[in-house]
C-alpha atoms as a PDB file:
ATOM      1  CA  MET A   1     -15.918  40.872  -4.193  1.00  0.00           C
ATOM      2  CA  ALA A   2     -14.559  37.376  -3.543  1.00  0.00           C
ATOM      3  CA  LEU A   3     -11.090  36.594  -2.205  1.00  0.00           C
ATOM      4  CA  LEU A   4      -9.097  34.185  -4.374  1.00  0.00           C
ATOM      5  CA  ARG A   5      -6.008  32.773  -2.696  1.00  0.00           C
ATOM      6  CA  PHE A   6      -3.591  30.238  -4.219  1.00  0.00           C
ATOM      7  CA  HIS A   7       0.082  29.232  -4.380  1.00  0.00           C
ATOM      8  CA  VAL A   8       2.190  29.371  -7.528  1.00  0.00           C
ATOM      9  CA  SER A   9       3.050  25.906  -8.831  1.00  0.00           C
ATOM     10  CA  ASP A  10       6.586  24.910  -9.804  1.00  0.00           C
ATOM     11  CA  GLY A  11       5.449  24.776 -13.430  1.00  0.00           C
ATOM     12  CA  GLU A  12       4.371  28.424 -13.268  1.00  0.00           C
ATOM     13  CA  ALA A  13       7.657  29.644 -11.770  1.00  0.00           C
ATOM     14  CA  GLY A  14       9.187  32.416 -13.875  1.00  0.00           C
ATOM     15  CA  THR A  15       5.852  33.366 -15.477  1.00  0.00           C
ATOM     16  CA  ARG A  16       4.617  36.967 -15.491  1.00  0.00           C
ATOM     17  CA  LEU A  17       2.107  37.809 -12.790  1.00  0.00           C
ATOM     18  CA  ASP A  18      -0.571  38.954 -15.257  1.00  0.00           C
ATOM     19  CA  ARG A  19      -0.322  35.674 -17.144  1.00  0.00           C
ATOM     20  CA  VAL A  20      -0.579  33.578 -13.990  1.00  0.00           C
ATOM     21  CA  LEU A  21      -3.721  35.458 -12.967  1.00  0.00           C
ATOM     22  CA  ALA A  22      -5.244  35.204 -16.442  1.00  0.00           C
ATOM     23  CA  GLU A  23      -4.825  31.417 -16.261  1.00  0.00           C
ATOM     24  CA  ARG A  24      -7.164  31.203 -13.269  1.00  0.00           C
ATOM     25  CA  PRO A  25     -10.717  30.275 -14.337  1.00  0.00           C
ATOM     26  CA  GLU A  26     -12.088  32.841 -11.881  1.00  0.00           C
ATOM     27  CA  ILE A  27     -10.331  35.566 -13.916  1.00  0.00           C
ATOM     28  CA  ALA A  28      -9.755  34.004 -17.359  1.00  0.00           C
ATOM     29  CA  SER A  29      -8.803  37.290 -19.013  1.00  0.00           C
ATOM     30  CA  ARG A  30      -5.477  39.085 -19.461  1.00  0.00           C
ATOM     31  CA  ALA A  31      -7.286  42.448 -19.472  1.00  0.00           C
ATOM     32  CA  LEU A  32      -9.054  41.745 -16.172  1.00  0.00           C
ATOM     33  CA  ALA A  33      -5.810  40.449 -14.657  1.00  0.00           C
ATOM     34  CA  GLU A  34      -4.055  43.707 -15.579  1.00  0.00           C
ATOM     35  CA  ARG A  35      -6.871  45.798 -14.087  1.00  0.00           C
ATOM     36  CA  LEU A  36      -6.738  43.849 -10.822  1.00  0.00           C
ATOM     37  CA  ILE A  37      -2.960  44.306 -10.581  1.00  0.00           C
ATOM     38  CA  ALA A  38      -3.143  48.030 -11.395  1.00  0.00           C
ATOM     39  CA  SER A  39      -5.848  48.621  -8.768  1.00  0.00           C
ATOM     40  CA  GLY A  40      -3.887  46.833  -6.036  1.00  0.00           C
ATOM     41  CA  ALA A  41      -6.413  44.003  -5.799  1.00  0.00           C
ATOM     42  CA  ALA A  42      -3.703  41.385  -6.471  1.00  0.00           C
ATOM     43  CA  LEU A  43      -0.915  40.825  -3.932  1.00  0.00           C
ATOM     44  CA  VAL A  44       2.101  38.513  -4.039  1.00  0.00           C
ATOM     45  CA  GLY A  45       3.211  37.554  -0.577  1.00  0.00           C
ATOM     46  CA  GLY A  46       1.147  40.425   0.757  1.00  0.00           C
ATOM     47  CA  GLU A  47       2.848  43.015  -1.475  1.00  0.00           C
ATOM     48  CA  ARG A  48       1.853  44.820  -4.661  1.00  0.00           C
ATOM     49  CA  ARG A  49       3.855  43.853  -7.724  1.00  0.00           C
ATOM     50  CA  PRO A  50       3.822  45.077 -11.351  1.00  0.00           C
ATOM     51  CA  LYS A  51       2.151  42.973 -14.014  1.00  0.00           C
ATOM     52  CA  SER A  52       5.575  42.036 -15.413  1.00  0.00           C
ATOM     53  CA  HIS A  53       6.732  40.582 -12.089  1.00  0.00           C
ATOM     54  CA  ARG A  54       8.053  37.029 -12.468  1.00  0.00           C
ATOM     55  CA  VAL A  55       6.532  34.780  -9.825  1.00  0.00           C
ATOM     56  CA  GLU A  56       8.370  32.023  -7.990  1.00  0.00           C
ATOM     57  CA  GLY A  57       7.173  28.547  -7.089  1.00  0.00           C
ATOM     58  CA  GLY A  58       5.380  28.610  -3.746  1.00  0.00           C
ATOM     59  CA  ASP A  59       4.518  32.331  -3.851  1.00  0.00           C
ATOM     60  CA  GLU A  60       1.154  33.020  -2.237  1.00  0.00           C
ATOM     61  CA  ILE A  61      -1.121  35.174  -4.363  1.00  0.00           C
ATOM     62  CA  ALA A  62      -4.263  36.789  -3.005  1.00  0.00           C
ATOM     63  CA  VAL A  63      -6.725  38.492  -5.362  1.00  0.00           C
ATOM     64  CA  GLU A  64      -9.991  40.312  -4.743  1.00  0.00           C
ATOM     65  CA  VAL A  65     -12.087  39.197  -7.712  1.00  0.00           C
ATOM     66  CA  PRO A  66     -15.317  41.005  -8.645  1.00  0.00           C
ATOM     67  CA  ALA A  67     -18.425  38.929  -7.989  1.00  0.00           C
ATOM     68  CA  ALA A  68     -19.876  37.347 -11.107  1.00  0.00           C
ATOM     69  CA  THR A  69     -22.892  39.036 -12.663  1.00  0.00           C
ATOM     70  CA  PRO A  70     -26.006  36.827 -12.438  1.00  0.00           C
ATOM     71  CA  LEU A  71     -26.967  35.319 -15.784  1.00  0.00           C
ATOM     72  CA  VAL A  72     -30.012  36.776 -17.497  1.00  0.00           C
ATOM     73  CA  PRO A  73     -31.799  34.902 -20.330  1.00  0.00           C
ATOM     74  CA  GLU A  74     -31.252  36.375 -23.792  1.00  0.00           C
ATOM     75  CA  ALA A  75     -33.144  35.881 -27.042  1.00  0.00           C
ATOM     76  CA  ILE A  76     -30.505  33.746 -28.783  1.00  0.00           C
ATOM     77  CA  ASP A  77     -31.675  31.163 -31.284  1.00  0.00           C
ATOM     78  CA  VAL A  78     -30.330  27.782 -30.176  1.00  0.00           C
ATOM     79  CA  PRO A  79     -31.639  24.925 -32.351  1.00  0.00           C
ATOM     80  CA  VAL A  80     -32.659  21.956 -30.190  1.00  0.00           C
ATOM     81  CA  VAL A  81     -32.364  18.645 -32.070  1.00  0.00           C
ATOM     82  CA  TRP A  82     -33.168  16.207 -29.232  1.00  0.00           C
ATOM     83  CA  GLU A  83     -34.627  16.654 -25.762  1.00  0.00           C
ATOM     84  CA  ASP A  84     -36.427  15.143 -22.797  1.00  0.00           C
ATOM     85  CA  GLU A  85     -36.875  16.188 -19.171  1.00  0.00           C
ATOM     86  CA  HIS A  86     -33.256  15.270 -18.319  1.00  0.00           C
ATOM     87  CA  LEU A  87     -31.172  16.725 -21.126  1.00  0.00           C
ATOM     88  CA  LEU A  88     -31.149  18.304 -24.546  1.00  0.00           C
ATOM     89  CA  VAL A  89     -28.860  18.206 -27.548  1.00  0.00           C
ATOM     90  CA  VAL A  90     -28.363  21.520 -29.351  1.00  0.00           C
ATOM     91  CA  GLU A  91     -26.587  22.713 -32.486  1.00  0.00           C
ATOM     92  CA  LYS A  92     -24.139  25.482 -31.692  1.00  0.00           C
ATOM     93  CA  PRO A  93     -23.545  27.865 -34.588  1.00  0.00           C
ATOM     94  CA  ALA A  94     -20.044  29.150 -35.302  1.00  0.00           C
ATOM     95  CA  GLY A  95     -19.185  32.528 -33.836  1.00  0.00           C
ATOM     96  CA  ILE A  96     -20.814  32.094 -30.434  1.00  0.00           C
ATOM     97  CA  VAL A  97     -19.029  31.364 -27.138  1.00  0.00           C
ATOM     98  CA  VAL A  98     -20.469  28.500 -25.082  1.00  0.00           C
ATOM     99  CA  HIS A  99     -20.400  30.203 -21.680  1.00  0.00           C
ATOM    100  CA  PRO A 100     -19.276  33.474 -20.055  1.00  0.00           C
ATOM    101  CA  ALA A 101     -15.544  33.798 -19.415  1.00  0.00           C
ATOM    102  CA  GLY A 102     -13.127  36.682 -19.065  1.00  0.00           C
ATOM    103  CA  GLY A 103     -14.481  39.729 -20.875  1.00  0.00           C
ATOM    104  CA  THR A 104     -17.381  37.843 -22.494  1.00  0.00           C
ATOM    105  CA  ARG A 105     -20.327  38.254 -20.133  1.00  0.00           C
ATOM    106  CA  THR A 106     -23.306  38.348 -22.521  1.00  0.00           C
ATOM    107  CA  GLY A 107     -24.412  36.808 -25.793  1.00  0.00           C
ATOM    108  CA  THR A 108     -23.196  33.284 -25.031  1.00  0.00           C
ATOM    109  CA  LEU A 109     -24.888  29.987 -25.781  1.00  0.00           C
ATOM    110  CA  VAL A 110     -25.683  29.609 -22.080  1.00  0.00           C
ATOM    111  CA  HIS A 111     -27.696  32.842 -22.111  1.00  0.00           C
ATOM    112  CA  GLY A 112     -29.863  31.362 -24.844  1.00  0.00           C
ATOM    113  CA  LEU A 113     -30.212  28.045 -23.005  1.00  0.00           C
ATOM    114  CA  LEU A 114     -31.521  29.415 -19.715  1.00  0.00           C
ATOM    115  CA  GLU A 115     -35.117  29.385 -20.914  1.00  0.00           C
ATOM    116  CA  GLN A 116     -34.563  25.851 -22.252  1.00  0.00           C
ATOM    117  CA  GLY A 117     -34.003  24.615 -18.706  1.00  0.00           C
ATOM    118  CA  ALA A 118     -30.211  24.282 -18.706  1.00  0.00           C
ATOM    119  CA  GLU A 119     -29.243  23.405 -15.147  1.00  0.00           C
ATOM    120  CA  GLY A 120     -26.603  21.633 -13.076  1.00  0.00           C
ATOM    121  CA  GLY A 121     -22.982  21.945 -12.089  1.00  0.00           C
ATOM    122  CA  GLU A 122     -21.092  23.962  -9.506  1.00  0.00           C
ATOM    123  CA  ASP A 123     -20.225  26.933 -11.753  1.00  0.00           C
ATOM    124  CA  ASP A 124     -22.994  29.544 -11.867  1.00  0.00           C
ATOM    125  CA  ASP A 125     -21.686  30.755 -15.245  1.00  0.00           C
ATOM    126  CA  ARG A 126     -22.005  27.304 -16.841  1.00  0.00           C
ATOM    127  CA  PRO A 127     -25.399  25.827 -15.937  1.00  0.00           C
ATOM    128  CA  GLY A 128     -25.913  22.491 -17.687  1.00  0.00           C
ATOM    129  CA  ILE A 129     -22.602  22.584 -19.575  1.00  0.00           C
ATOM    130  CA  VAL A 130     -20.653  19.307 -19.516  1.00  0.00           C
ATOM    131  CA  HIS A 131     -18.417  19.808 -22.576  1.00  0.00           C
ATOM    132  CA  ARG A 132     -17.583  22.675 -24.904  1.00  0.00           C
ATOM    133  CA  LEU A 133     -16.817  23.689 -28.464  1.00  0.00           C
ATOM    134  CA  ASP A 134     -14.462  26.486 -29.505  1.00  0.00           C
ATOM    135  CA  LYS A 135     -16.140  29.748 -30.475  1.00  0.00           C
ATOM    136  CA  GLU A 136     -15.679  29.181 -34.231  1.00  0.00           C
ATOM    137  CA  THR A 137     -16.442  25.441 -34.150  1.00  0.00           C
ATOM    138  CA  SER A 138     -20.020  24.497 -34.988  1.00  0.00           C
ATOM    139  CA  GLY A 139     -22.051  21.445 -34.110  1.00  0.00           C
ATOM    140  CA  LEU A 140     -23.619  19.332 -31.393  1.00  0.00           C
ATOM    141  CA  LEU A 141     -23.532  19.769 -27.624  1.00  0.00           C
ATOM    142  CA  VAL A 142     -25.358  17.816 -24.945  1.00  0.00           C
ATOM    143  CA  VAL A 143     -26.694  19.988 -22.110  1.00  0.00           C
ATOM    144  CA  ALA A 144     -28.033  18.876 -18.723  1.00  0.00           C
ATOM    145  CA  ARG A 145     -31.406  19.969 -17.319  1.00  0.00           C
ATOM    146  CA  SER A 146     -30.803  18.950 -13.703  1.00  0.00           C
ATOM    147  CA  GLN A 147     -28.029  18.533 -11.187  1.00  0.00           C
ATOM    148  CA  ALA A 148     -28.366  14.754 -11.370  1.00  0.00           C
ATOM    149  CA  ALA A 149     -28.152  14.733 -15.166  1.00  0.00           C
ATOM    150  CA  HIS A 150     -25.129  17.040 -15.091  1.00  0.00           C
ATOM    151  CA  ALA A 151     -23.274  14.778 -12.656  1.00  0.00           C
ATOM    152  CA  ARG A 152     -24.066  11.637 -14.634  1.00  0.00           C
ATOM    153  CA  LEU A 153     -23.150  13.170 -18.012  1.00  0.00           C
ATOM    154  CA  GLN A 154     -19.837  14.462 -16.663  1.00  0.00           C
ATOM    155  CA  GLN A 155     -19.060  10.996 -15.334  1.00  0.00           C
ATOM    156  CA  MET A 156     -19.890   9.468 -18.722  1.00  0.00           C
ATOM    157  CA  ILE A 157     -17.538  11.895 -20.463  1.00  0.00           C
ATOM    158  CA  ARG A 158     -14.756  11.075 -17.994  1.00  0.00           C
ATOM    159  CA  GLU A 159     -15.371   7.378 -18.662  1.00  0.00           C
ATOM    160  CA  ARG A 160     -15.304   8.048 -22.438  1.00  0.00           C
ATOM    161  CA  ALA A 161     -18.864   6.771 -22.747  1.00  0.00           C
ATOM    162  CA  VAL A 162     -19.982   9.708 -24.917  1.00  0.00           C
ATOM    163  CA  GLU A 163     -18.979   9.393 -28.572  1.00  0.00           C
ATOM    164  CA  ARG A 164     -18.115  12.805 -30.037  1.00  0.00           C
ATOM    165  CA  ARG A 165     -17.286  12.880 -33.745  1.00  0.00           C
ATOM    166  CA  TYR A 166     -16.155  15.777 -35.911  1.00  0.00           C
ATOM    167  CA  LEU A 167     -15.526  16.484 -39.575  1.00  0.00           C
ATOM    168  CA  ALA A 168     -12.282  18.327 -40.286  1.00  0.00           C
ATOM    169  CA  LEU A 169     -10.890  19.441 -43.640  1.00  0.00           C
ATOM    170  CA  VAL A 170      -7.106  19.532 -43.421  1.00  0.00           C
ATOM    171  CA  HIS A 171      -4.084  20.294 -45.567  1.00  0.00           C
ATOM    172  CA  GLY A 172      -1.819  17.350 -46.246  1.00  0.00           C
ATOM    173  CA  MET A 173      -2.014  13.633 -46.881  1.00  0.00           C
ATOM    174  CA  PRO A 174      -2.392  11.341 -43.841  1.00  0.00           C
ATOM    175  CA  ARG A 175       0.257   8.630 -43.647  1.00  0.00           C
ATOM    176  CA  SER A 176      -2.444   6.048 -42.969  1.00  0.00           C
ATOM    177  CA  ARG A 177      -6.197   5.780 -43.383  1.00  0.00           C
ATOM    178  CA  SER A 178      -6.665   5.923 -39.620  1.00  0.00           C
ATOM    179  CA  GLY A 179      -4.599   6.945 -36.653  1.00  0.00           C
ATOM    180  CA  ARG A 180      -4.442   7.686 -32.943  1.00  0.00           C
ATOM    181  CA  ILE A 181      -2.701  10.786 -31.634  1.00  0.00           C
ATOM    182  CA  GLU A 182      -1.651  10.509 -28.000  1.00  0.00           C
ATOM    183  CA  ALA A 183       0.244  13.613 -26.904  1.00  0.00           C
ATOM    184  CA  PRO A 184      -0.247  15.759 -23.778  1.00  0.00           C
ATOM    185  CA  ILE A 185      -1.095  19.401 -24.446  1.00  0.00           C
ATOM    186  CA  GLY A 186      -1.370  22.606 -22.430  1.00  0.00           C
ATOM    187  CA  ARG A 187      -0.655  26.332 -22.598  1.00  0.00           C
ATOM    188  CA  ASP A 188       2.234  27.014 -24.968  1.00  0.00           C
ATOM    189  CA  ARG A 189       5.446  28.025 -23.169  1.00  0.00           C
ATOM    190  CA  ARG A 190       6.035  31.087 -25.369  1.00  0.00           C
ATOM    191  CA  ASP A 191       2.551  32.134 -26.495  1.00  0.00           C
ATOM    192  CA  ARG A 192      -0.035  31.864 -23.724  1.00  0.00           C
ATOM    193  CA  SER A 193      -2.917  32.433 -26.147  1.00  0.00           C
ATOM    194  CA  ARG A 194      -2.113  29.108 -27.823  1.00  0.00           C
ATOM    195  CA  HIS A 195      -2.094  25.500 -26.665  1.00  0.00           C
ATOM    196  CA  SER A 196       0.592  23.095 -27.803  1.00  0.00           C
ATOM    197  CA  LEU A 197       2.720  20.046 -27.032  1.00  0.00           C
ATOM    198  CA  ASP A 198       5.480  22.401 -25.844  1.00  0.00           C
ATOM    199  CA  THR A 199       3.997  23.242 -22.471  1.00  0.00           C
ATOM    200  CA  ALA A 200       4.902  23.412 -18.788  1.00  0.00           C
ATOM    201  CA  THR A 201       1.423  22.212 -17.815  1.00  0.00           C
ATOM    202  CA  PRO A 202       0.784  19.063 -19.907  1.00  0.00           C
ATOM    203  CA  ARG A 203      -2.529  17.201 -19.676  1.00  0.00           C
ATOM    204  CA  ASP A 204      -3.159  13.827 -21.294  1.00  0.00           C
ATOM    205  CA  ALA A 205      -4.918  14.129 -24.638  1.00  0.00           C
ATOM    206  CA  VAL A 206      -5.982  11.459 -27.139  1.00  0.00           C
ATOM    207  CA  THR A 207      -7.510  12.027 -30.587  1.00  0.00           C
ATOM    208  CA  ARG A 208      -8.458   9.451 -33.228  1.00  0.00           C
ATOM    209  CA  PHE A 209      -9.022  10.074 -36.930  1.00  0.00           C
ATOM    210  CA  GLU A 210     -10.153   8.231 -40.043  1.00  0.00           C
ATOM    211  CA  LEU A 211      -9.728   9.357 -43.633  1.00  0.00           C
ATOM    212  CA  ARG A 212     -13.091  10.069 -45.243  1.00  0.00           C
ATOM    213  CA  GLU A 213     -11.881  11.494 -48.545  1.00  0.00           C
ATOM    214  CA  GLN A 214      -8.542  12.498 -50.092  1.00  0.00           C
ATOM    215  CA  LEU A 215      -8.900  15.703 -52.101  1.00  0.00           C
ATOM    216  CA  GLY A 216      -5.556  16.303 -53.768  1.00  0.00           C
ATOM    217  CA  ARG A 217      -3.384  17.942 -51.126  1.00  0.00           C
ATOM    218  CA  ARG A 218      -6.321  18.237 -48.745  1.00  0.00           C
ATOM    219  CA  ALA A 219      -8.167  15.536 -46.808  1.00  0.00           C
ATOM    220  CA  LEU A 220     -11.555  15.245 -45.132  1.00  0.00           C
ATOM    221  CA  LEU A 221     -11.140  13.503 -41.771  1.00  0.00           C
ATOM    222  CA  ASP A 222     -13.606  11.929 -39.368  1.00  0.00           C
ATOM    223  CA  VAL A 223     -12.197  12.777 -35.940  1.00  0.00           C
ATOM    224  CA  SER A 224     -13.211  11.479 -32.506  1.00  0.00           C
ATOM    225  CA  LEU A 225     -12.174  12.520 -29.010  1.00  0.00           C
ATOM    226  CA  GLU A 226     -11.121  10.332 -26.113  1.00  0.00           C
ATOM    227  CA  THR A 227     -10.333  13.420 -24.026  1.00  0.00           C
ATOM    228  CA  GLY A 228     -11.577  16.996 -24.258  1.00  0.00           C
ATOM    229  CA  ARG A 229      -8.707  19.467 -23.869  1.00  0.00           C
ATOM    230  CA  THR A 230      -8.894  23.061 -25.059  1.00  0.00           C
ATOM    231  CA  HIS A 231      -8.217  23.261 -28.839  1.00  0.00           C
ATOM    232  CA  GLN A 232      -7.321  19.555 -28.762  1.00  0.00           C
ATOM    233  CA  ILE A 233      -8.223  18.565 -32.326  1.00  0.00           C
ATOM    234  CA  ARG A 234      -6.668  21.687 -33.808  1.00  0.00           C
ATOM    235  CA  VAL A 235      -3.427  21.267 -31.850  1.00  0.00           C
ATOM    236  CA  HIS A 236      -3.097  17.516 -32.478  1.00  0.00           C
ATOM    237  CA  LEU A 237      -3.738  17.736 -36.223  1.00  0.00           C
ATOM    238  CA  GLU A 238      -1.256  20.591 -36.595  1.00  0.00           C
ATOM    239  CA  ALA A 239       1.296  18.537 -34.651  1.00  0.00           C
ATOM    240  CA  ILE A 240       1.177  15.681 -37.197  1.00  0.00           C
ATOM    241  CA  GLY A 241       1.358  17.990 -40.204  1.00  0.00           C
ATOM    242  CA  LEU A 242      -2.371  18.140 -40.996  1.00  0.00           C
ATOM    243  CA  PRO A 243      -3.406  21.748 -40.177  1.00  0.00           C
ATOM    244  CA  ILE A 244      -7.118  22.526 -40.448  1.00  0.00           C
ATOM    245  CA  ALA A 245      -8.313  24.601 -43.398  1.00  0.00           C
ATOM    246  CA  GLY A 246      -9.390  28.105 -42.434  1.00  0.00           C
ATOM    247  CA  ASP A 247      -7.910  27.960 -38.930  1.00  0.00           C
ATOM    248  CA  PRO A 248      -6.167  31.319 -38.266  1.00  0.00           C
ATOM    249  CA  VAL A 249      -4.275  30.040 -35.199  1.00  0.00           C
ATOM    250  CA  TYR A 250      -3.216  26.464 -35.883  1.00  0.00           C
ATOM    251  CA  GLY A 251      -4.024  25.939 -39.548  1.00  0.00           C
ATOM    252  CA  VAL A 252      -4.302  27.715 -42.897  1.00  0.00           C
ATOM    253  CA  ALA A 253      -6.180  31.015 -42.525  1.00  0.00           C
ATOM    254  CA  GLY A 254      -8.550  32.084 -45.290  1.00  0.00           C
ATOM    255  CA  ASP A 255      -8.260  28.829 -47.222  1.00  0.00           C
ATOM    256  CA  LEU A 256     -11.168  28.218 -49.633  1.00  0.00           C
ATOM    257  CA  GLY A 257     -12.705  31.530 -48.568  1.00  0.00           C
ATOM    258  CA  LEU A 258     -13.299  30.246 -45.035  1.00  0.00           C
ATOM    259  CA  GLU A 259     -13.640  32.781 -42.231  1.00  0.00           C
ATOM    260  CA  ARG A 260     -13.146  30.132 -39.528  1.00  0.00           C
ATOM    261  CA  GLN A 261     -11.746  26.632 -39.081  1.00  0.00           C
ATOM    262  CA  PHE A 262     -13.377  23.769 -40.974  1.00  0.00           C
ATOM    263  CA  LEU A 263     -14.350  21.823 -37.870  1.00  0.00           C
ATOM    264  CA  HIS A 264     -17.881  20.603 -37.189  1.00  0.00           C
ATOM    265  CA  ALA A 265     -19.136  18.377 -34.369  1.00  0.00           C
ATOM    266  CA  TYR A 266     -21.430  16.265 -36.508  1.00  0.00           C
ATOM    267  CA  ARG A 267     -22.363  13.341 -34.229  1.00  0.00           C
ATOM    268  CA  LEU A 268     -23.133  12.608 -30.571  1.00  0.00           C
ATOM    269  CA  ARG A 269     -23.918   9.090 -29.405  1.00  0.00           C
ATOM    270  CA  PHE A 270     -24.349   7.815 -25.852  1.00  0.00           C
ATOM    271  CA  ALA A 271     -26.567   5.686 -23.658  1.00  0.00           C
ATOM    272  CA  HIS A 272     -29.214   7.781 -21.944  1.00  0.00           C
ATOM    273  CA  PRO A 273     -28.024   8.415 -18.358  1.00  0.00           C
ATOM    274  CA  PHE A 274     -31.407   7.437 -16.876  1.00  0.00           C
ATOM    275  CA  GLY A 275     -32.716   4.758 -19.204  1.00  0.00           C
ATOM    276  CA  ALA A 276     -32.004   2.096 -21.792  1.00  0.00           C
ATOM    277  CA  GLU A 277     -32.459   4.443 -24.753  1.00  0.00           C
ATOM    278  CA  GLN A 278     -29.532   5.179 -27.053  1.00  0.00           C
ATOM    279  CA  VAL A 279     -29.227   8.873 -27.948  1.00  0.00           C
ATOM    280  CA  ASP A 280     -27.697   9.139 -31.434  1.00  0.00           C
ATOM    281  CA  VAL A 281     -27.863  12.540 -33.134  1.00  0.00           C
ATOM    282  CA  CYS A 282     -26.210  13.808 -36.323  1.00  0.00           C
ATOM    283  CA  SER A 283     -25.806  17.318 -37.712  1.00  0.00           C
ATOM    284  CA  ALA A 284     -25.308  18.304 -41.347  1.00  0.00           C
ATOM    285  CA  LEU A 285     -22.450  20.584 -42.361  1.00  0.00           C
ATOM    286  CA  PRO A 286     -23.490  24.263 -42.237  1.00  0.00           C
ATOM    287  CA  PRO A 287     -23.559  26.239 -45.523  1.00  0.00           C
ATOM    288  CA  ASP A 288     -20.081  27.801 -45.224  1.00  0.00           C
ATOM    289  CA  LEU A 289     -18.422  24.429 -44.705  1.00  0.00           C
ATOM    290  CA  ARG A 290     -20.478  22.773 -47.445  1.00  0.00           C
ATOM    291  CA  ALA A 291     -19.327  25.473 -49.870  1.00  0.00           C
ATOM    292  CA  ALA A 292     -15.695  25.051 -48.829  1.00  0.00           C
ATOM    293  CA  LEU A 293     -15.881  21.270 -49.229  1.00  0.00           C
ATOM    294  CA  ALA A 294     -17.391  21.652 -52.700  1.00  0.00           C
ATOM    295  CA  ALA A 295     -14.560  24.006 -53.631  1.00  0.00           C
ATOM    296  CA  ALA A 296     -11.974  21.559 -52.293  1.00  0.00           C
ATOM    297  CA  ARG A 297     -13.486  18.787 -54.379  1.00  0.00           C
ATOM    298  CA  SER A 298     -13.369  20.928 -57.527  1.00  0.00           C
ATOM    299  CA  ARG A 299      -9.749  22.026 -57.222  1.00  0.00           C
ATOM    300  CA  PRO A 300      -6.692  20.553 -55.469  1.00  0.00           C
ATOM    301  CA  ALA A 301      -4.645  22.525 -52.982  1.00  0.00           C
ATOM    302  CA  PRO A 302      -1.330  23.889 -54.310  1.00  0.00           C
ATOM    303  CA  GLY A 303       1.943  22.319 -53.242  1.00  0.00           C
END
């Protein structure tokens, strides 16, 4: 067990205890938060409180968190599209989580990358990981193979020196052929499972887009990130009236027969962190998204 101790921020004041605990990366799960509260492992000001207890700014919370289970390599097929001794670029399929979190302890991309030499970073559950994709988003990720490479790649991402481009099929007609969305996002005030612009914990977020193809009442966009917030593209596009096709949370669920959002990280481009070489990798749309795009081209969206 490890003791986690922290103070409630002013922005968290009035939030349920179980939600505050679930927000902590060391817990990252509502179910685990509830178990810790029920077992008496979580104390507010030294006292047990129910999960529905509303915390106040400045409250001290102490939690005994179970020690993380050491990662064990698993036989998960992770296509490697570029590699050297410092890093590798992989294609993440849809339906797989990047790293362990909350109740997901096995079957992640990281488990499949251990034998590929993924390494670096301070989080034992995320060796080599410097950026992420949502579970149902497919496409390219760069992964470090050393502590030095991890540190340098993270710095490059902070400095916006890694170009990350996505293809997104959305409902609606963009008001211009290109645009820049600058709007802070964070956990939604009313629904903690979502992220939105209506949040008590805003973080700067910037997304750019270009129109690739107008398909009746749908549009294929080329999207790039300046920041990397959770669900950023999905939240920003919904906010400007361009929800992503197939997205059950922020977009149009089930559109074109899709079982997940039409969002694919198709290009990574950056200067190699330890040399003059330019790493520039592209990924083709997977079969489900190709089929959906073909259907969108053959028939316009209603409305």
